[in-house]
Amino acid sequence: MLRESDHVKIVTCVPVTSANEVRDALGKSGAGQQGNYQFCSGSYRQIGRFRPLKGAHPAIGEVGKLEEVEEEVIEVICHKDKVGEVIHALRMAHPYEEPAIDIYPRYEVE
């Protein structure tokens, strides 16, 4: 039997050079707590692609130029009560002007 969890999964991608800083901010703000463990996360590498438009202030690349960046995708669980605080901390630590942040529902198996 499945039931909706009290936790969600938060996923973001960040340049590899900033991954530890973002992961630390996530953990300090309460994400990644699972039972008797803190700062739990998973990650994998990807190539992020984007073209900054006029008015953008890119941390990497130039306006109008297609860019490729080696990124780390970071996944953490987060209690629903802490999502606002965690997303704020993620945005403060993230170098991108507009970081991609996905929040997924989770289910528990009973």
PDB file of N, CA and C in Angstrom:
ATOM      1  N   MET A   1       0.841  -1.172   0.000  1.00  0.00           N
ATOM      2  CA  MET A   1       0.000   0.000   0.000  1.00  0.00           C
ATOM      3  C   MET A   1       0.892   1.243   0.000  1.00  0.00           C
ATOM      4  N   LEU A   2       0.518   2.235  -0.779  1.00  0.00           N
ATOM      5  CA  LEU A   2       1.259   3.492  -0.850  1.00  0.00           C
ATOM      6  C   LEU A   2       0.503   4.592  -0.139  1.00  0.00           C
ATOM      7  N   ARG A   3       1.242   5.477   0.495  1.00  0.00           N
ATOM      8  CA  ARG A   3       0.654   6.692   1.041  1.00  0.00           C
ATOM      9  C   ARG A   3       1.595   7.850   0.736  1.00  0.00           C
ATOM     10  N   GLU A   4       1.012   9.034   0.596  1.00  0.00           N
ATOM     11  CA  GLU A   4       1.832  10.201   0.308  1.00  0.00           C
ATOM     12  C   GLU A   4       2.755  10.477   1.495  1.00  0.00           C
ATOM     13  N   SER A   5       4.007  10.775   1.200  1.00  0.00           N
ATOM     14  CA  SER A   5       5.019  11.019   2.218  1.00  0.00           C
ATOM     15  C   SER A   5       4.912  12.437   2.772  1.00  0.00           C
ATOM     16  N   ASP A   6       5.476  12.632   3.947  1.00  0.00           N
ATOM     17  CA  ASP A   6       5.618  13.966   4.529  1.00  0.00           C
ATOM     18  C   ASP A   6       6.838  14.677   3.952  1.00  0.00           C
ATOM     19  N   HIS A   7       7.543  14.004   3.049  1.00  0.00           N
ATOM     20  CA  HIS A   7       8.754  14.547   2.433  1.00  0.00           C
ATOM     21  C   HIS A   7       8.568  14.719   0.929  1.00  0.00           C
ATOM     22  N   VAL A   8       9.334  15.613   0.361  1.00  0.00           N
ATOM     23  CA  VAL A   8       9.431  15.779  -1.089  1.00  0.00           C
ATOM     24  C   VAL A   8      10.883  15.557  -1.479  1.00  0.00           C
ATOM     25  N   LYS A   9      11.114  15.419  -2.773  1.00  0.00           N
ATOM     26  CA  LYS A   9      12.488  15.354  -3.272  1.00  0.00           C
ATOM     27  C   LYS A   9      12.766  16.660  -3.996  1.00  0.00           C
ATOM     28  N   ILE A  10      13.879  17.288  -3.651  1.00  0.00           N
ATOM     29  CA  ILE A  10      14.324  18.523  -4.301  1.00  0.00           C
ATOM     30  C   ILE A  10      15.525  18.188  -5.168  1.00  0.00           C
ATOM     31  N   VAL A  11      15.468  18.649  -6.418  1.00  0.00           N
ATOM     32  CA  VAL A  11      16.540  18.379  -7.381  1.00  0.00           C
ATOM     33  C   VAL A  11      16.977  19.705  -7.991  1.00  0.00           C
ATOM     34  N   THR A  12      18.279  19.923  -8.047  1.00  0.00           N
ATOM     35  CA  THR A  12      18.822  21.114  -8.696  1.00  0.00           C
ATOM     36  C   THR A  12      20.122  20.739  -9.394  1.00  0.00           C
ATOM     37  N   CYS A  13      20.516  21.550 -10.367  1.00  0.00           N
ATOM     38  CA  CYS A  13      21.798  21.338 -11.030  1.00  0.00           C
ATOM     39  C   CYS A  13      22.652  22.583 -10.821  1.00  0.00           C
ATOM     40  N   VAL A  14      23.935  22.354 -10.614  1.00  0.00           N
ATOM     41  CA  VAL A  14      24.861  23.418 -10.237  1.00  0.00           C
ATOM     42  C   VAL A  14      26.210  23.141 -10.885  1.00  0.00           C
ATOM     43  N   PRO A  15      26.979  24.176 -11.256  1.00  0.00           N
ATOM     44  CA  PRO A  15      28.321  23.913 -11.770  1.00  0.00           C
ATOM     45  C   PRO A  15      29.098  23.052 -10.773  1.00  0.00           C
ATOM     46  N   VAL A  16      29.885  22.133 -11.277  1.00  0.00           N
ATOM     47  CA  VAL A  16      30.630  21.202 -10.419  1.00  0.00           C
ATOM     48  C   VAL A  16      31.434  21.948  -9.356  1.00  0.00           C
ATOM     49  N   THR A  17      31.994  23.086  -9.716  1.00  0.00           N
ATOM     50  CA  THR A  17      32.829  23.846  -8.779  1.00  0.00           C
ATOM     51  C   THR A  17      32.035  24.421  -7.605  1.00  0.00           C
ATOM     52  N   SER A  18      30.718  24.491  -7.707  1.00  0.00           N
ATOM     53  CA  SER A  18      29.878  25.036  -6.629  1.00  0.00           C
ATOM     54  C   SER A  18      29.052  23.965  -5.923  1.00  0.00           C
ATOM     55  N   ALA A  19      29.196  22.714  -6.308  1.00  0.00           N
ATOM     56  CA  ALA A  19      28.339  21.651  -5.778  1.00  0.00           C
ATOM     57  C   ALA A  19      28.476  21.484  -4.268  1.00  0.00           C
ATOM     58  N   ASN A  20      29.673  21.508  -3.738  1.00  0.00           N
ATOM     59  CA  ASN A  20      29.837  21.313  -2.295  1.00  0.00           C
ATOM     60  C   ASN A  20      29.200  22.443  -1.496  1.00  0.00           C
ATOM     61  N   GLU A  21      29.307  23.675  -1.973  1.00  0.00           N
ATOM     62  CA  GLU A  21      28.703  24.816  -1.284  1.00  0.00           C
ATOM     63  C   GLU A  21      27.180  24.695  -1.260  1.00  0.00           C
ATOM     64  N   VAL A  22      26.582  24.309  -2.385  1.00  0.00           N
ATOM     65  CA  VAL A  22      25.129  24.159  -2.450  1.00  0.00           C
ATOM     66  C   VAL A  22      24.682  22.976  -1.591  1.00  0.00           C
ATOM     67  N   ARG A  23      25.399  21.871  -1.669  1.00  0.00           N
ATOM     68  CA  ARG A  23      25.063  20.691  -0.859  1.00  0.00           C
ATOM     69  C   ARG A  23      25.119  21.029   0.637  1.00  0.00           C
ATOM     70  N   ASP A  24      26.129  21.808   1.046  1.00  0.00           N
ATOM     71  CA  ASP A  24      26.267  22.218   2.435  1.00  0.00           C
ATOM     72  C   ASP A  24      25.093  23.105   2.861  1.00  0.00           C
ATOM     73  N   ALA A  25      24.705  24.048   2.008  1.00  0.00           N
ATOM     74  CA  ALA A  25      23.567  24.931   2.312  1.00  0.00           C
ATOM     75  C   ALA A  25      22.277  24.127   2.450  1.00  0.00           C
ATOM     76  N   LEU A  26      22.091  23.130   1.582  1.00  0.00           N
ATOM     77  CA  LEU A  26      20.908  22.268   1.680  1.00  0.00           C
ATOM     78  C   LEU A  26      20.880  21.541   3.022  1.00  0.00           C
ATOM     79  N   GLY A  27      21.994  20.953   3.396  1.00  0.00           N
ATOM     80  CA  GLY A  27      22.066  20.216   4.660  1.00  0.00           C
ATOM     81  C   GLY A  27      21.881  21.105   5.872  1.00  0.00           C
ATOM     82  N   LYS A  28      22.512  22.273   5.876  1.00  0.00           N
ATOM     83  CA  LYS A  28      22.397  23.190   7.018  1.00  0.00           C
ATOM     84  C   LYS A  28      20.989  23.733   7.179  1.00  0.00           C
ATOM     85  N   SER A  29      20.236  23.809   6.083  1.00  0.00           N
ATOM     86  CA  SER A  29      18.873  24.334   6.160  1.00  0.00           C
ATOM     87  C   SER A  29      17.840  23.245   6.469  1.00  0.00           C
ATOM     88  N   GLY A  30      18.286  22.002   6.601  1.00  0.00           N
ATOM     89  CA  GLY A  30      17.387  20.931   7.030  1.00  0.00           C
ATOM     90  C   GLY A  30      17.042  19.891   5.984  1.00  0.00           C
ATOM     91  N   ALA A  31      17.485  20.066   4.755  1.00  0.00           N
ATOM     92  CA  ALA A  31      17.245  19.042   3.734  1.00  0.00           C
ATOM     93  C   ALA A  31      18.208  17.878   3.954  1.00  0.00           C
ATOM     94  N   GLY A  32      17.851  16.721   3.426  1.00  0.00           N
ATOM     95  CA  GLY A  32      18.747  15.571   3.498  1.00  0.00           C
ATOM     96  C   GLY A  32      18.739  14.867   4.838  1.00  0.00           C
ATOM     97  N   GLN A  33      17.715  15.074   5.649  1.00  0.00           N
ATOM     98  CA  GLN A  33      17.615  14.349   6.914  1.00  0.00           C
ATOM     99  C   GLN A  33      16.765  13.115   6.683  1.00  0.00           C
ATOM    100  N   GLN A  34      17.348  11.973   6.966  1.00  0.00           N
ATOM    101  CA  GLN A  34      16.662  10.701   6.771  1.00  0.00           C
ATOM    102  C   GLN A  34      16.917   9.842   7.996  1.00  0.00           C
ATOM    103  N   GLY A  35      15.889   9.673   8.833  1.00  0.00           N
ATOM    104  CA  GLY A  35      16.067   8.909  10.067  1.00  0.00           C
ATOM    105  C   GLY A  35      17.127   9.546  10.943  1.00  0.00           C
ATOM    106  N   ASN A  36      18.132   8.768  11.314  1.00  0.00           N
ATOM    107  CA  ASN A  36      19.217   9.245  12.174  1.00  0.00           C
ATOM    108  C   ASN A  36      20.410   9.764  11.377  1.00  0.00           C
ATOM    109  N   TYR A  37      20.183  10.183  10.147  1.00  0.00           N
ATOM    110  CA  TYR A  37      21.261  10.674   9.280  1.00  0.00           C
ATOM    111  C   TYR A  37      20.937  12.073   8.780  1.00  0.00           C
ATOM    112  N   GLN A  38      21.969  12.913   8.666  1.00  0.00           N
ATOM    113  CA  GLN A  38      21.827  14.259   8.126  1.00  0.00           C
ATOM    114  C   GLN A  38      22.693  14.416   6.891  1.00  0.00           C
ATOM    115  N   PHE A  39      22.453  15.469   6.125  1.00  0.00           N
ATOM    116  CA  PHE A  39      23.240  15.823   4.949  1.00  0.00           C
ATOM    117  C   PHE A  39      23.262  14.691   3.916  1.00  0.00           C
ATOM    118  N   CYS A  40      22.174  13.919   3.833  1.00  0.00           N
ATOM    119  CA  CYS A  40      22.071  12.845   2.852  1.00  0.00           C
ATOM    120  C   CYS A  40      21.735  13.452   1.486  1.00  0.00           C
ATOM    121  N   SER A  41      22.436  13.031   0.468  1.00  0.00           N
ATOM    122  CA  SER A  41      22.155  13.502  -0.894  1.00  0.00           C
ATOM    123  C   SER A  41      22.692  12.495  -1.887  1.00  0.00           C
ATOM    124  N   GLY A  42      22.240  12.630  -3.104  1.00  0.00           N
ATOM    125  CA  GLY A  42      22.782  11.864  -4.214  1.00  0.00           C
ATOM    126  C   GLY A  42      23.109  12.849  -5.319  1.00  0.00           C
ATOM    127  N   SER A  43      24.017  12.464  -6.199  1.00  0.00           N
ATOM    128  CA  SER A  43      24.352  13.375  -7.300  1.00  0.00           C
ATOM    129  C   SER A  43      24.915  12.608  -8.480  1.00  0.00           C
ATOM    130  N   TYR A  44      24.833  13.253  -9.622  1.00  0.00           N
ATOM    131  CA  TYR A  44      25.443  12.735 -10.839  1.00  0.00           C
ATOM    132  C   TYR A  44      25.800  13.913 -11.731  1.00  0.00           C
ATOM    133  N   ARG A  45      26.675  13.676 -12.687  1.00  0.00           N
ATOM    134  CA  ARG A  45      27.151  14.740 -13.579  1.00  0.00           C
ATOM    135  C   ARG A  45      26.301  14.817 -14.843  1.00  0.00           C
ATOM    136  N   GLN A  46      26.219  16.021 -15.379  1.00  0.00           N
ATOM    137  CA  GLN A  46      25.544  16.258 -16.654  1.00  0.00           C
ATOM    138  C   GLN A  46      26.182  17.466 -17.327  1.00  0.00           C
ATOM    139  N   ILE A  47      25.832  17.686 -18.571  1.00  0.00           N
ATOM    140  CA  ILE A  47      26.214  18.903 -19.284  1.00  0.00           C
ATOM    141  C   ILE A  47      24.971  19.774 -19.381  1.00  0.00           C
ATOM    142  N   GLY A  48      25.040  20.968 -18.795  1.00  0.00           N
ATOM    143  CA  GLY A  48      23.950  21.929 -18.881  1.00  0.00           C
ATOM    144  C   GLY A  48      24.198  22.852 -20.070  1.00  0.00           C
ATOM    145  N   ARG A  49      23.145  23.203 -20.777  1.00  0.00           N
ATOM    146  CA  ARG A  49      23.255  24.076 -21.953  1.00  0.00           C
ATOM    147  C   ARG A  49      22.252  25.213 -21.827  1.00  0.00           C
ATOM    148  N   PHE A  50      22.690  26.428 -22.182  1.00  0.00           N
ATOM    149  CA  PHE A  50      21.805  27.585 -22.108  1.00  0.00           C
ATOM    150  C   PHE A  50      22.386  28.732 -22.934  1.00  0.00           C
ATOM    151  N   ARG A  51      21.502  29.658 -23.293  1.00  0.00           N
ATOM    152  CA  ARG A  51      21.906  30.892 -23.970  1.00  0.00           C
ATOM    153  C   ARG A  51      21.283  32.058 -23.202  1.00  0.00           C
ATOM    154  N   PRO A  52      22.095  32.845 -22.511  1.00  0.00           N
ATOM    155  CA  PRO A  52      21.562  34.002 -21.803  1.00  0.00           C
ATOM    156  C   PRO A  52      20.985  35.029 -22.784  1.00  0.00           C
ATOM    157  N   LEU A  53      19.820  35.554 -22.457  1.00  0.00           N
ATOM    158  CA  LEU A  53      19.158  36.556 -23.282  1.00  0.00           C
ATOM    159  C   LEU A  53      19.482  37.961 -22.780  1.00  0.00           C
ATOM    160  N   LYS A  54      19.154  38.953 -23.592  1.00  0.00           N
ATOM    161  CA  LYS A  54      19.359  40.346 -23.221  1.00  0.00           C
ATOM    162  C   LYS A  54      18.681  40.603 -21.875  1.00  0.00           C
ATOM    163  N   GLY A  55      19.368  41.269 -20.986  1.00  0.00           N
ATOM    164  CA  GLY A  55      18.861  41.541 -19.651  1.00  0.00           C
ATOM    165  C   GLY A  55      19.339  40.543 -18.613  1.00  0.00           C
ATOM    166  N   ALA A  56      19.901  39.424 -19.057  1.00  0.00           N
ATOM    167  CA  ALA A  56      20.434  38.416 -18.124  1.00  0.00           C
ATOM    168  C   ALA A  56      21.784  38.872 -17.595  1.00  0.00           C
ATOM    169  N   HIS A  57      22.133  38.363 -16.428  1.00  0.00           N
ATOM    170  CA  HIS A  57      23.436  38.609 -15.815  1.00  0.00           C
ATOM    171  C   HIS A  57      24.049  37.245 -15.475  1.00  0.00           C
ATOM    172  N   PRO A  58      24.521  36.520 -16.499  1.00  0.00           N
ATOM    173  CA  PRO A  58      24.965  35.138 -16.273  1.00  0.00           C
ATOM    174  C   PRO A  58      26.227  35.038 -15.414  1.00  0.00           C
ATOM    175  N   ALA A  59      26.221  34.047 -14.521  1.00  0.00           N
ATOM    176  CA  ALA A  59      27.405  33.749 -13.715  1.00  0.00           C
ATOM    177  C   ALA A  59      28.484  33.113 -14.584  1.00  0.00           C
ATOM    178  N   ILE A  60      28.050  32.447 -15.646  1.00  0.00           N
ATOM    179  CA  ILE A  60      28.951  31.772 -16.585  1.00  0.00           C
ATOM    180  C   ILE A  60      28.474  32.127 -17.984  1.00  0.00           C
ATOM    181  N   GLY A  61      29.381  32.437 -18.885  1.00  0.00           N
ATOM    182  CA  GLY A  61      29.026  32.695 -20.273  1.00  0.00           C
ATOM    183  C   GLY A  61      28.719  34.157 -20.558  1.00  0.00           C
ATOM    184  N   GLU A  62      28.230  34.399 -21.772  1.00  0.00           N
ATOM    185  CA  GLU A  62      27.943  35.748 -22.240  1.00  0.00           C
ATOM    186  C   GLU A  62      26.536  35.808 -22.828  1.00  0.00           C
ATOM    187  N   VAL A  63      25.935  36.984 -22.736  1.00  0.00           N
ATOM    188  CA  VAL A  63      24.613  37.200 -23.319  1.00  0.00           C
ATOM    189  C   VAL A  63      24.666  36.903 -24.816  1.00  0.00           C
ATOM    190  N   GLY A  64      23.707  36.120 -25.290  1.00  0.00           N
ATOM    191  CA  GLY A  64      23.600  35.796 -26.705  1.00  0.00           C
ATOM    192  C   GLY A  64      24.443  34.627 -27.176  1.00  0.00           C
ATOM    193  N   LYS A  65      25.296  34.101 -26.330  1.00  0.00           N
ATOM    194  CA  LYS A  65      26.188  33.002 -26.726  1.00  0.00           C
ATOM    195  C   LYS A  65      25.752  31.700 -26.053  1.00  0.00           C
ATOM    196  N   LEU A  66      25.584  30.631 -26.867  1.00  0.00           N
ATOM    197  CA  LEU A  66      25.242  29.317 -26.332  1.00  0.00           C
ATOM    198  C   LEU A  66      26.401  28.803 -25.482  1.00  0.00           C
ATOM    199  N   GLU A  67      26.081  28.298 -24.301  1.00  0.00           N
ATOM    200  CA  GLU A  67      27.095  27.869 -23.345  1.00  0.00           C
ATOM    201  C   GLU A  67      26.853  26.427 -22.926  1.00  0.00           C
ATOM    202  N   GLU A  68      27.916  25.701 -22.633  1.00  0.00           N
ATOM    203  CA  GLU A  68      27.852  24.356 -22.060  1.00  0.00           C
ATOM    204  C   GLU A  68      28.665  24.354 -20.774  1.00  0.00           C
ATOM    205  N   VAL A  69      28.090  23.778 -19.717  1.00  0.00           N
ATOM    206  CA  VAL A  69      28.737  23.766 -18.418  1.00  0.00           C
ATOM    207  C   VAL A  69      28.643  22.363 -17.830  1.00  0.00           C
ATOM    208  N   GLU A  70      29.748  21.847 -17.302  1.00  0.00           N
ATOM    209  CA  GLU A  70      29.687  20.583 -16.581  1.00  0.00           C
ATOM    210  C   GLU A  70      29.032  20.865 -15.229  1.00  0.00           C
ATOM    211  N   GLU A  71      27.930  20.176 -14.997  1.00  0.00           N
ATOM    212  CA  GLU A  71      27.158  20.402 -13.790  1.00  0.00           C
ATOM    213  C   GLU A  71      27.022  19.117 -12.979  1.00  0.00           C
ATOM    214  N   GLU A  72      26.702  19.313 -11.716  1.00  0.00           N
ATOM    215  CA  GLU A  72      26.351  18.198 -10.847  1.00  0.00           C
ATOM    216  C   GLU A  72      24.875  18.364 -10.505  1.00  0.00           C
ATOM    217  N   VAL A  73      24.106  17.316 -10.708  1.00  0.00           N
ATOM    218  CA  VAL A  73      22.698  17.305 -10.321  1.00  0.00           C
ATOM    219  C   VAL A  73      22.649  16.762  -8.892  1.00  0.00           C
ATOM    220  N   ILE A  74      22.061  17.543  -7.999  1.00  0.00           N
ATOM    221  CA  ILE A  74      21.988  17.172  -6.585  1.00  0.00           C
ATOM    222  C   ILE A  74      20.534  16.873  -6.234  1.00  0.00           C
ATOM    223  N   GLU A  75      20.322  15.735  -5.568  1.00  0.00           N
ATOM    224  CA  GLU A  75      18.983  15.324  -5.128  1.00  0.00           C
ATOM    225  C   GLU A  75      18.993  15.140  -3.623  1.00  0.00           C
ATOM    226  N   VAL A  76      17.994  15.714  -2.951  1.00  0.00           N
ATOM    227  CA  VAL A  76      17.848  15.549  -1.505  1.00  0.00           C
ATOM    228  C   VAL A  76      16.375  15.373  -1.167  1.00  0.00           C
ATOM    229  N   ILE A  77      16.106  14.711  -0.048  1.00  0.00           N
ATOM    230  CA  ILE A  77      14.742  14.702   0.453  1.00  0.00           C
ATOM    231  C   ILE A  77      14.603  15.871   1.419  1.00  0.00           C
ATOM    232  N   CYS A  78      13.360  16.299   1.605  1.00  0.00           N
ATOM    233  CA  CYS A  78      13.111  17.452   2.466  1.00  0.00           C
ATOM    234  C   CYS A  78      11.714  17.325   3.053  1.00  0.00           C
ATOM    235  N   HIS A  79      11.578  17.520   4.354  1.00  0.00           N
ATOM    236  CA  HIS A  79      10.257  17.528   4.973  1.00  0.00           C
ATOM    237  C   HIS A  79       9.480  18.707   4.409  1.00  0.00           C
ATOM    238  N   LYS A  80       8.201  18.501   4.163  1.00  0.00           N
ATOM    239  CA  LYS A  80       7.371  19.543   3.557  1.00  0.00           C
ATOM    240  C   LYS A  80       7.377  20.842   4.358  1.00  0.00           C
ATOM    241  N   ASP A  81       7.510  20.753   5.683  1.00  0.00           N
ATOM    242  CA  ASP A  81       7.518  21.941   6.529  1.00  0.00           C
ATOM    243  C   ASP A  81       8.762  22.807   6.341  1.00  0.00           C
ATOM    244  N   LYS A  82       9.810  22.250   5.740  1.00  0.00           N
ATOM    245  CA  LYS A  82      11.080  22.973   5.601  1.00  0.00           C
ATOM    246  C   LYS A  82      11.355  23.440   4.178  1.00  0.00           C
ATOM    247  N   VAL A  83      10.455  23.166   3.245  1.00  0.00           N
ATOM    248  CA  VAL A  83      10.716  23.455   1.833  1.00  0.00           C
ATOM    249  C   VAL A  83      11.043  24.927   1.595  1.00  0.00           C
ATOM    250  N   GLY A  84      10.284  25.842   2.154  1.00  0.00           N
ATOM    251  CA  GLY A  84      10.533  27.269   1.929  1.00  0.00           C
ATOM    252  C   GLY A  84      11.915  27.691   2.384  1.00  0.00           C
ATOM    253  N   GLU A  85      12.294  27.272   3.575  1.00  0.00           N
ATOM    254  CA  GLU A  85      13.615  27.600   4.127  1.00  0.00           C
ATOM    255  C   GLU A  85      14.728  26.974   3.288  1.00  0.00           C
ATOM    256  N   VAL A  86      14.532  25.737   2.871  1.00  0.00           N
ATOM    257  CA  VAL A  86      15.547  25.036   2.083  1.00  0.00           C
ATOM    258  C   VAL A  86      15.720  25.689   0.706  1.00  0.00           C
ATOM    259  N   ILE A  87      14.622  26.034   0.049  1.00  0.00           N
ATOM    260  CA  ILE A  87      14.717  26.669  -1.269  1.00  0.00           C
ATOM    261  C   ILE A  87      15.396  28.031  -1.150  1.00  0.00           C
ATOM    262  N   HIS A  88      15.101  28.773  -0.099  1.00  0.00           N
ATOM    263  CA  HIS A  88      15.777  30.056   0.117  1.00  0.00           C
ATOM    264  C   HIS A  88      17.288  29.852   0.255  1.00  0.00           C
ATOM    265  N   ALA A  89      17.692  28.884   1.080  1.00  0.00           N
ATOM    266  CA  ALA A  89      19.115  28.609   1.278  1.00  0.00           C
ATOM    267  C   ALA A  89      19.777  28.155  -0.021  1.00  0.00           C
ATOM    268  N   LEU A  90      19.075  27.323  -0.793  1.00  0.00           N
ATOM    269  CA  LEU A  90      19.597  26.857  -2.084  1.00  0.00           C
ATOM    270  C   LEU A  90      19.846  28.051  -3.008  1.00  0.00           C
ATOM    271  N   ARG A  91      18.869  28.938  -3.126  1.00  0.00           N
ATOM    272  CA  ARG A  91      19.009  30.106  -4.003  1.00  0.00           C
ATOM    273  C   ARG A  91      20.157  31.020  -3.546  1.00  0.00           C
ATOM    274  N   MET A  92      20.339  31.174  -2.247  1.00  0.00           N
ATOM    275  CA  MET A  92      21.410  32.034  -1.728  1.00  0.00           C
ATOM    276  C   MET A  92      22.795  31.455  -2.030  1.00  0.00           C
ATOM    277  N   ALA A  93      22.912  30.131  -2.013  1.00  0.00           N
ATOM    278  CA  ALA A  93      24.208  29.484  -2.242  1.00  0.00           C
ATOM    279  C   ALA A  93      24.494  29.223  -3.717  1.00  0.00           C
ATOM    280  N   HIS A  94      23.474  29.214  -4.542  1.00  0.00           N
ATOM    281  CA  HIS A  94      23.602  28.838  -5.954  1.00  0.00           C
ATOM    282  C   HIS A  94      24.167  30.001  -6.767  1.00  0.00           C
ATOM    283  N   PRO A  95      25.136  29.738  -7.643  1.00  0.00           N
ATOM    284  CA  PRO A  95      25.726  30.833  -8.423  1.00  0.00           C
ATOM    285  C   PRO A  95      24.867  31.319  -9.586  1.00  0.00           C
ATOM    286  N   TYR A  96      23.908  30.515 -10.038  1.00  0.00           N
ATOM    287  CA  TYR A  96      23.100  30.909 -11.192  1.00  0.00           C
ATOM    288  C   TYR A  96      22.071  31.964 -10.812  1.00  0.00           C
ATOM    289  N   GLU A  97      21.827  32.862 -11.735  1.00  0.00           N
ATOM    290  CA  GLU A  97      20.808  33.897 -11.557  1.00  0.00           C
ATOM    291  C   GLU A  97      19.416  33.276 -11.420  1.00  0.00           C
ATOM    292  N   GLU A  98      19.149  32.242 -12.204  1.00  0.00           N
ATOM    293  CA  GLU A  98      17.859  31.539 -12.181  1.00  0.00           C
ATOM    294  C   GLU A  98      18.100  30.029 -12.145  1.00  0.00           C
ATOM    295  N   PRO A  99      18.405  29.483 -10.962  1.00  0.00           N
ATOM    296  CA  PRO A  99      18.679  28.043 -10.893  1.00  0.00           C
ATOM    297  C   PRO A  99      17.437  27.206 -11.193  1.00  0.00           C
ATOM    298  N   ALA A 100      17.646  26.085 -11.854  1.00  0.00           N
ATOM    299  CA  ALA A 100      16.563  25.123 -12.080  1.00  0.00           C
ATOM    300  C   ALA A 100      16.374  24.345 -10.785  1.00  0.00           C
ATOM    301  N   ILE A 101      15.136  24.352 -10.280  1.00  0.00           N
ATOM    302  CA  ILE A 101      14.809  23.647  -9.041  1.00  0.00           C
ATOM    303  C   ILE A 101      13.530  22.856  -9.288  1.00  0.00           C
ATOM    304  N   ASP A 102      13.593  21.551  -9.099  1.00  0.00           N
ATOM    305  CA  ASP A 102      12.416  20.691  -9.230  1.00  0.00           C
ATOM    306  C   ASP A 102      12.057  20.153  -7.852  1.00  0.00           C
ATOM    307  N   ILE A 103      10.766  20.102  -7.566  1.00  0.00           N
ATOM    308  CA  ILE A 103      10.275  19.544  -6.307  1.00  0.00           C
ATOM    309  C   ILE A 103       9.259  18.461  -6.663  1.00  0.00           C
ATOM    310  N   TYR A 104       9.552  17.237  -6.243  1.00  0.00           N
ATOM    311  CA  TYR A 104       8.719  16.082  -6.573  1.00  0.00           C
ATOM    312  C   TYR A 104       8.043  15.518  -5.325  1.00  0.00           C
ATOM    313  N   PRO A 105       6.792  15.077  -5.459  1.00  0.00           N
ATOM    314  CA  PRO A 105       6.158  14.386  -4.326  1.00  0.00           C
ATOM    315  C   PRO A 105       6.825  13.016  -4.140  1.00  0.00           C
ATOM    316  N   ARG A 106       6.728  12.503  -2.926  1.00  0.00           N
ATOM    317  CA  ARG A 106       7.247  11.170  -2.623  1.00  0.00           C
ATOM    318  C   ARG A 106       6.135  10.339  -2.002  1.00  0.00           C
ATOM    319  N   TYR A 107       6.312   9.033  -2.042  1.00  0.00           N
ATOM    320  CA  TYR A 107       5.347   8.113  -1.463  1.00  0.00           C
ATOM    321  C   TYR A 107       6.082   7.137  -0.563  1.00  0.00           C
ATOM    322  N   GLU A 108       5.397   6.687   0.467  1.00  0.00           N
ATOM    323  CA  GLU A 108       5.941   5.689   1.393  1.00  0.00           C
ATOM    324  C   GLU A 108       5.241   4.366   1.125  1.00  0.00           C
ATOM    325  N   VAL A 109       5.979   3.293   1.237  1.00  0.00           N
ATOM    326  CA  VAL A 109       5.418   1.949   1.090  1.00  0.00           C
ATOM    327  C   VAL A 109       5.120   1.425   2.493  1.00  0.00           C
ATOM    328  N   GLU A 110       3.872   1.022   2.687  1.00  0.00           N
ATOM    329  CA  GLU A 110       3.484   0.502   4.019  1.00  0.00           C
ATOM    330  C   GLU A 110       3.329  -0.994   3.977  1.00  0.00           C
TER     331      GLU A 110
END
